[in-house]
Amino acid sequence: MRVQRNLTTIPANSTSVTVSIATVDVDKAFLEMSYNTNLENFQYIPRGVISSPTTVTFTRDASTSSSVTAIAWQVID
């Protein structure tokens, strides 16, 4: 088993961020994440997905000029 972990942010005025990871088998790997944001509206809650064997993408429904969403994540395969 291998664990890849890091921190990233969805910047203000943005709805997504993509991070690079070492190659994984997307049929076996899984993503765990936690987040911190100063906004309580559900549209700012991030979601994460292993979007390819070498990338993870985090998205939220809306952007805001004043909020950065911090994300701690790990991919286990």
Protein backbone atom coordinates (compact mmCIF):
# COMPACT_ATOMS: atom_id res chain seq x y z
CA MET A 1 0.00 0.00 0.00
CA ARG A 2 1.19 3.50 -0.85
CA VAL A 3 -0.07 6.82 0.55
CA GLN A 4 0.38 10.15 -1.20
CA ARG A 5 -0.65 13.21 0.79
CA ASN A 6 -0.40 16.95 0.61
CA LEU A 7 -2.18 20.25 1.15
CA THR A 8 -3.70 22.45 -1.53
CA THR A 9 -6.11 25.36 -1.83
CA ILE A 10 -8.88 26.45 -4.13
CA PRO A 11 -7.93 30.12 -4.49
CA ALA A 12 -10.30 33.05 -4.25
CA ASN A 13 -12.10 33.71 -7.58
CA SER A 14 -11.72 30.07 -8.60
CA THR A 15 -13.91 26.98 -8.54
CA SER A 16 -11.29 24.26 -8.96
CA VAL A 17 -7.70 23.16 -8.61
CA THR A 18 -5.91 20.12 -10.05
CA VAL A 19 -2.88 18.53 -8.39
CA SER A 20 -0.40 16.02 -9.76
CA ILE A 21 0.20 12.66 -8.11
CA ALA A 22 2.34 9.64 -8.86
CA THR A 23 0.57 7.16 -11.14
CA VAL A 24 -2.18 5.10 -9.47
CA ASP A 25 -4.67 2.48 -10.58
CA VAL A 26 -7.90 4.51 -10.57
CA ASP A 27 -9.93 1.31 -10.13
CA LYS A 28 -8.22 0.55 -6.80
CA ALA A 29 -7.06 3.89 -5.38
CA PHE A 30 -9.23 6.09 -3.19
CA LEU A 31 -9.16 9.69 -2.03
CA GLU A 32 -9.64 11.01 1.49
CA MET A 33 -9.89 14.72 2.16
CA SER A 34 -10.78 17.33 4.73
CA TYR A 35 -11.24 21.04 4.24
CA ASN A 36 -11.41 24.39 5.99
CA THR A 37 -13.27 27.42 4.70
CA ASN A 38 -14.72 30.49 6.37
CA LEU A 39 -17.95 30.25 4.37
CA GLU A 40 -20.85 28.11 5.53
CA ASN A 41 -22.91 27.98 2.35
CA PHE A 42 -22.96 24.51 0.77
CA GLN A 43 -21.84 25.87 -2.60
CA TYR A 44 -18.37 26.49 -1.18
CA ILE A 45 -17.89 22.95 0.15
CA PRO A 46 -15.23 21.23 -1.98
CA ARG A 47 -15.45 17.83 -3.62
CA GLY A 48 -12.51 15.77 -4.77
CA VAL A 49 -12.03 13.09 -7.40
CA ILE A 50 -9.14 11.08 -8.80
CA SER A 51 -9.58 12.52 -12.28
CA SER A 52 -6.85 10.49 -14.02
CA PRO A 53 -4.06 8.10 -13.04
CA THR A 54 -1.83 11.13 -12.34
CA THR A 55 -4.19 13.90 -11.16
CA VAL A 56 -6.67 14.74 -8.44
CA THR A 57 -9.20 17.54 -9.01
CA PHE A 58 -10.99 19.49 -6.29
CA THR A 59 -14.02 21.62 -7.17
CA ARG A 60 -16.65 23.79 -5.52
CA ASP A 61 -19.86 25.14 -7.04
CA ALA A 62 -19.13 28.84 -6.64
CA SER A 63 -16.17 31.17 -6.41
CA THR A 64 -15.80 34.14 -4.15
CA SER A 65 -13.32 36.97 -4.07
CA SER A 66 -12.78 36.70 -0.34
CA SER A 67 -12.46 33.01 0.49
CA VAL A 68 -9.73 30.46 0.03
CA THR A 69 -10.67 26.85 0.68
CA ALA A 70 -7.82 24.88 2.24
CA ILE A 71 -7.78 21.12 1.57
CA ALA A 72 -5.76 18.33 3.18
CA TRP A 73 -5.86 15.20 1.05
CA GLN A 74 -4.41 11.73 0.65
CA VAL A 75 -4.62 9.12 -2.09
CA ILE A 76 -4.22 5.53 -1.01
CA ASP A 77 -3.47 2.74 -3.46
